[in-house]
Amino acid sequence: MFRAVGDSFRLAVERNSQLQQIGRQRERLADLNAELGNLITRTAHNLEAPAQKLSHLLGPGLSGGAQPFDGLSPYDPALLQEEIARLKGVAEDLRHLAHLEVRPLSAALLPLGEVFAEMRAALPHFPGRPVAWQVARLPIVRGDRALLRQALEVLMTFTLSDTRGAGYVTVDSAVVGGEVQITVEDDGVGLVAEEAATLFDLVVRTDQGVPVLEGGGLIQVRRILARHGGWAWAEARSTGGKVVLTFPQDEKVGELEALFGDDLPGA
């Protein structure tokens, strides 16, 4: 009996120590996120100023006489304009990220089927190119409805853009390695390895067949999923696209899904 009591006490102490360690890790992660948010805000501000100045120098109001880059090495105006546009896009992405870092995150129980339905209803119509959807039964997750809908809208705006040209989208889910994976596939233009590997990164690519959105782009998707304890990635394909969104698996949520059965909201 005394041994059983001793074992129980030892397990309780170990569990308390683990909880304290998790608490410290969360505090450190919060500090790192705050530091990242400050860095993002400062970097966005530092990028905007030179981009605005260069745009003004290359504006249509300049004609005749001395040019702003006289005396410098020859340059390609079109290429310079393109790089300025990319610089502005990065600055805008950073502004969006800075906003995401300070926005409070709710952890409500959300039927993903409902969130997908709301996102689809908010998407613009594509005249002459109807979009067919096949959405399987999707699980319940813990998350922020507005942020997750924002992530889905950004992702699907890219997927259904004229550049990608998708007309058929399938959405499915599975539990893999303790994570809930949402797989979004389409029949649009495929992504090469470099495009897929950096699709959700804050990068400026020059050699690419499928450009990222200008500003407010796909980097939001991964950051929003990361704030929910998940992740997002794309897979390279010669034709069609595949994106995987992950969420942590929650046993209590699984029990709730079993309770709903076929009456799961959004199913």
Protein backbone atom coordinates (compact mmCIF):
# COMPACT_ATOMS: atom_id res chain seq x y z
CA MET A 1 0.00 0.00 0.00
CA PHE A 2 2.76 2.42 0.97
CA ARG A 3 4.51 1.58 -2.28
CA ALA A 4 1.38 2.37 -4.28
CA VAL A 5 1.00 5.69 -2.45
CA GLY A 6 4.66 6.46 -3.10
CA ASP A 7 4.33 5.65 -6.80
CA SER A 8 1.22 7.84 -7.07
CA PHE A 9 3.00 10.70 -5.34
CA ARG A 10 6.03 10.32 -7.61
CA LEU A 11 3.84 10.33 -10.73
CA ALA A 12 2.02 13.42 -9.47
CA VAL A 13 5.32 15.22 -8.91
CA GLU A 14 6.58 14.22 -12.35
CA ARG A 15 3.34 15.37 -13.98
CA ASN A 16 3.49 18.69 -12.15
CA SER A 17 7.10 19.14 -13.28
CA GLN A 18 6.11 18.40 -16.88
CA LEU A 19 3.23 20.89 -16.71
CA GLN A 20 5.59 23.54 -15.36
CA GLN A 21 8.04 22.83 -18.17
CA ILE A 22 5.26 23.12 -20.75
CA GLY A 23 4.21 26.41 -19.16
CA ARG A 24 7.76 27.76 -19.39
CA GLN A 25 8.02 26.66 -23.03
CA ARG A 26 4.75 28.43 -23.83
CA GLU A 27 5.98 31.60 -22.15
CA ARG A 28 9.23 31.46 -24.14
CA LEU A 29 7.30 30.83 -27.36
CA ALA A 30 5.05 33.82 -26.58
CA ASP A 31 8.15 35.98 -26.06
CA LEU A 32 9.64 34.77 -29.34
CA ASN A 33 6.37 35.47 -31.15
CA ALA A 34 6.27 38.99 -29.69
CA GLU A 35 9.87 39.56 -30.79
CA LEU A 36 9.02 38.25 -34.27
CA GLY A 37 6.02 40.57 -34.43
CA ASN A 38 8.18 43.59 -33.58
CA LEU A 39 10.76 42.56 -36.17
CA ILE A 40 8.07 42.12 -38.82
CA THR A 41 6.60 45.57 -38.09
CA ARG A 42 10.00 47.29 -38.27
CA THR A 43 11.00 45.44 -41.44
CA ALA A 44 7.73 46.33 -43.17
CA HIS A 45 8.27 49.99 -42.35
CA ASN A 46 11.88 49.87 -43.56
CA LEU A 47 10.84 48.27 -46.87
CA GLU A 48 7.98 50.64 -47.62
CA ALA A 49 10.05 53.83 -47.62
CA PRO A 50 12.53 52.86 -50.40
CA ALA A 51 9.76 51.23 -52.44
CA GLN A 52 7.71 54.44 -52.38
CA LYS A 53 10.70 56.58 -53.30
CA LEU A 54 11.63 54.34 -56.23
CA SER A 55 8.03 54.29 -57.44
CA HIS A 56 7.97 58.08 -57.39
CA LEU A 57 11.24 58.32 -59.30
CA LEU A 58 9.93 55.97 -61.97
CA GLY A 59 6.50 57.58 -62.10
CA PRO A 60 4.89 58.72 -65.38
CA GLY A 61 5.35 62.36 -64.36
CA LEU A 62 9.05 62.19 -65.17
CA SER A 63 9.68 63.01 -68.81
CA GLY A 64 12.56 64.57 -70.66
CA GLY A 65 15.66 66.11 -69.11
CA ALA A 66 17.81 64.30 -66.65
CA GLN A 67 16.63 60.91 -65.50
CA PRO A 68 16.83 59.79 -61.86
CA PHE A 69 19.36 57.06 -62.63
CA ASP A 70 21.61 59.03 -64.99
CA GLY A 71 25.24 58.25 -64.32
CA LEU A 72 24.50 54.76 -63.04
CA SER A 73 24.99 51.48 -64.87
CA PRO A 74 22.36 50.70 -67.54
CA TYR A 75 19.18 49.19 -66.08
CA ASP A 76 16.04 47.56 -67.38
CA PRO A 77 13.06 49.76 -66.37
CA ALA A 78 10.59 46.88 -66.70
CA LEU A 79 12.72 44.63 -64.50
CA LEU A 80 13.16 47.41 -61.95
CA GLN A 81 9.41 48.01 -61.84
CA GLU A 82 8.86 44.29 -61.30
CA GLU A 83 11.31 44.21 -58.41
CA ILE A 84 9.65 47.26 -56.85
CA ALA A 85 6.29 45.49 -57.08
CA ARG A 86 7.78 42.45 -55.36
CA LEU A 87 9.28 44.68 -52.65
CA LYS A 88 5.87 46.24 -52.03
CA GLY A 89 4.32 42.77 -51.91
CA VAL A 90 6.77 41.63 -49.25
CA ALA A 91 6.10 44.78 -47.21
CA GLU A 92 2.35 44.16 -47.41
CA ASP A 93 2.79 40.52 -46.41
CA LEU A 94 4.80 41.66 -43.39
CA ARG A 95 2.04 44.09 -42.40
CA HIS A 96 -0.49 41.26 -42.52
CA LEU A 97 1.82 39.06 -40.45
CA ALA A 98 2.33 41.81 -37.87
CA HIS A 99 -1.46 42.05 -37.52
CA LEU A 100 -1.75 38.28 -37.12
CA GLU A 101 0.88 38.25 -34.37
CA VAL A 102 -1.03 40.63 -32.08
CA ARG A 103 -4.55 39.43 -32.81
CA PRO A 104 -6.05 37.34 -29.96
CA LEU A 105 -6.72 33.74 -30.92
CA SER A 106 -9.93 32.03 -29.88
CA ALA A 107 -10.13 28.27 -29.44
CA ALA A 108 -13.77 27.49 -30.12
CA LEU A 109 -14.99 24.14 -31.39
CA LEU A 110 -15.47 24.63 -35.14
CA PRO A 111 -16.99 22.22 -37.67
CA LEU A 112 -14.60 22.71 -40.60
CA GLY A 113 -17.40 21.86 -43.00
CA GLU A 114 -19.18 25.04 -41.92
CA VAL A 115 -16.04 27.13 -42.32
CA PHE A 116 -15.48 25.77 -45.84
CA ALA A 117 -19.12 26.49 -46.74
CA GLU A 118 -18.78 30.10 -45.52
CA MET A 119 -15.56 30.52 -47.50
CA ARG A 120 -17.14 29.17 -50.69
CA ALA A 121 -20.11 31.51 -50.33
CA ALA A 122 -17.76 34.50 -50.04
CA LEU A 123 -15.65 33.65 -53.11
CA PRO A 124 -16.23 35.68 -56.30
CA HIS A 125 -17.82 34.06 -59.33
CA PHE A 126 -15.66 33.13 -62.31
CA PRO A 127 -17.61 33.86 -65.52
CA GLY A 128 -17.07 31.23 -68.19
CA ARG A 129 -15.23 28.95 -65.76
CA PRO A 130 -17.59 27.23 -63.34
CA VAL A 131 -15.97 25.59 -60.36
CA ALA A 132 -17.06 22.12 -59.22
CA TRP A 133 -16.51 21.15 -55.58
CA GLN A 134 -16.35 17.76 -53.89
CA VAL A 135 -16.09 18.29 -50.14
CA ALA A 136 -16.05 15.20 -47.93
CA ARG A 137 -17.21 15.10 -44.33
CA LEU A 138 -14.77 17.32 -42.42
CA PRO A 139 -13.92 17.10 -38.70
CA ILE A 140 -14.39 19.48 -35.80
CA VAL A 141 -11.26 21.38 -34.73
CA ARG A 142 -10.38 23.93 -32.09
CA GLY A 143 -9.71 27.29 -33.67
CA ASP A 144 -10.55 30.87 -34.55
CA ARG A 145 -13.36 30.93 -37.11
CA ALA A 146 -12.44 34.30 -38.65
CA LEU A 147 -8.74 33.49 -38.98
CA LEU A 148 -9.32 30.02 -40.43
CA ARG A 149 -11.82 31.41 -42.92
CA GLN A 150 -9.26 34.08 -43.87
CA ALA A 151 -6.63 31.39 -44.47
CA LEU A 152 -9.03 29.37 -46.64
CA GLU A 153 -10.09 32.43 -48.66
CA VAL A 154 -6.46 33.34 -49.39
CA LEU A 155 -5.66 29.75 -50.38
CA MET A 156 -8.69 29.32 -52.64
CA THR A 157 -8.30 32.76 -54.23
CA PHE A 158 -4.86 31.58 -55.33
CA THR A 159 -6.13 28.15 -56.39
CA LEU A 160 -9.01 29.56 -58.48
CA SER A 161 -7.03 32.49 -59.93
CA ASP A 162 -6.65 32.80 -63.71
CA THR A 163 -2.97 31.90 -63.30
CA ARG A 164 -3.76 28.49 -61.79
CA GLY A 165 -7.09 28.07 -63.55
CA ALA A 166 -8.55 25.32 -61.36
CA GLY A 167 -12.11 24.26 -62.17
CA TYR A 168 -12.46 21.19 -59.94
CA VAL A 169 -11.57 21.11 -56.23
CA THR A 170 -11.75 18.20 -53.81
CA VAL A 171 -11.42 18.47 -50.02
CA ASP A 172 -10.88 15.47 -47.78
CA SER A 173 -9.58 14.70 -44.29
CA ALA A 174 -7.68 11.98 -42.45
CA VAL A 175 -5.89 11.42 -39.14
CA VAL A 176 -2.18 10.83 -39.68
CA GLY A 177 0.44 10.56 -36.94
CA GLY A 178 -1.65 12.26 -34.29
CA GLU A 179 -2.64 15.11 -36.60
CA VAL A 180 -5.82 15.93 -38.47
CA GLN A 181 -4.88 16.51 -42.12
CA ILE A 182 -7.12 18.41 -44.53
CA THR A 183 -6.13 17.73 -48.14
CA VAL A 184 -7.16 20.20 -50.85
CA GLU A 185 -6.56 19.04 -54.44
CA ASP A 186 -7.40 20.71 -57.73
CA ASP A 187 -7.01 20.29 -61.50
CA GLY A 188 -5.22 23.59 -62.12
CA VAL A 189 -1.67 24.31 -63.26
CA GLY A 190 0.83 22.15 -61.41
CA LEU A 191 3.64 23.35 -59.17
CA VAL A 192 7.29 22.49 -59.71
CA ALA A 193 9.38 21.44 -56.70
CA GLU A 194 10.74 24.92 -55.95
CA GLU A 195 7.30 26.52 -56.16
CA ALA A 196 5.72 23.91 -53.90
CA ALA A 197 8.54 24.07 -51.35
CA THR A 198 8.31 27.87 -51.01
CA LEU A 199 4.62 28.46 -51.72
CA PHE A 200 3.88 29.54 -48.14
CA ASP A 201 7.23 31.24 -47.48
CA LEU A 202 7.99 34.94 -47.36
CA VAL A 203 10.30 34.89 -50.38
CA VAL A 204 10.83 36.80 -53.60
CA ARG A 205 11.12 34.35 -56.47
CA THR A 206 12.13 35.40 -59.95
CA ASP A 207 12.08 32.13 -61.92
CA GLN A 208 8.60 30.73 -61.44
CA GLY A 209 5.70 29.69 -63.60
CA VAL A 210 3.03 30.30 -60.95
CA PRO A 211 3.48 33.66 -59.17
CA VAL A 212 2.38 34.16 -55.60
CA LEU A 213 -0.30 36.72 -54.81
CA GLU A 214 0.90 40.32 -54.65
CA GLY A 215 0.67 41.30 -51.01
CA GLY A 216 -1.51 39.69 -48.37
CA GLY A 217 -0.39 36.41 -49.85
CA LEU A 218 -0.08 32.77 -49.00
CA ILE A 219 2.34 33.27 -46.11
CA GLN A 220 -0.76 34.07 -44.04
CA VAL A 221 -2.06 30.53 -44.52
CA ARG A 222 0.90 28.82 -42.88
CA ARG A 223 1.17 31.40 -40.09
CA ILE A 224 -2.53 31.07 -39.21
CA LEU A 225 -2.27 27.27 -39.16
CA ALA A 226 0.91 27.51 -37.04
CA ARG A 227 -0.91 29.66 -34.50
CA HIS A 228 -3.44 26.82 -34.22
CA GLY A 229 -0.65 24.32 -33.56
CA GLY A 230 -0.68 23.02 -37.14
CA TRP A 231 1.10 23.58 -40.43
CA ALA A 232 0.55 23.94 -44.18
CA TRP A 233 2.52 22.66 -47.16
CA ALA A 234 2.14 22.04 -50.89
CA GLU A 235 3.26 19.08 -52.96
CA ALA A 236 4.92 19.31 -56.37
CA ARG A 237 2.91 17.92 -59.29
CA SER A 238 3.19 18.20 -63.06
CA THR A 239 -0.56 18.81 -63.30
CA GLY A 240 -2.99 19.81 -60.60
CA GLY A 241 -2.27 21.08 -57.12
CA LYS A 242 -2.24 19.53 -53.65
CA VAL A 243 -2.12 21.42 -50.36
CA VAL A 244 -2.23 19.85 -46.90
CA LEU A 245 -3.46 21.74 -43.83
CA THR A 246 -2.88 20.15 -40.42
CA PHE A 247 -4.43 20.57 -36.96
CA PRO A 248 -3.54 18.89 -33.66
CA GLN A 249 -5.71 15.88 -32.89
CA ASP A 250 -7.92 16.43 -29.83
CA GLU A 251 -9.39 13.37 -28.09
CA LYS A 252 -12.29 15.37 -26.62
CA VAL A 253 -13.15 16.67 -30.07
CA GLY A 254 -13.14 13.10 -31.33
CA GLU A 255 -15.64 12.15 -28.62
CA LEU A 256 -17.85 15.07 -29.65
CA GLU A 257 -17.74 13.97 -33.30
CA ALA A 258 -18.76 10.48 -32.30
CA LEU A 259 -21.68 11.98 -30.37
CA PHE A 260 -22.87 13.93 -33.43
CA GLY A 261 -22.47 10.96 -35.77
CA ASP A 262 -23.94 11.70 -39.20
CA ASP A 263 -25.49 14.93 -37.88
CA LEU A 264 -22.10 16.66 -37.67
CA PRO A 265 -22.62 20.38 -38.54
CA GLY A 266 -21.36 21.25 -42.01
CA ALA A 267 -21.19 17.60 -43.08
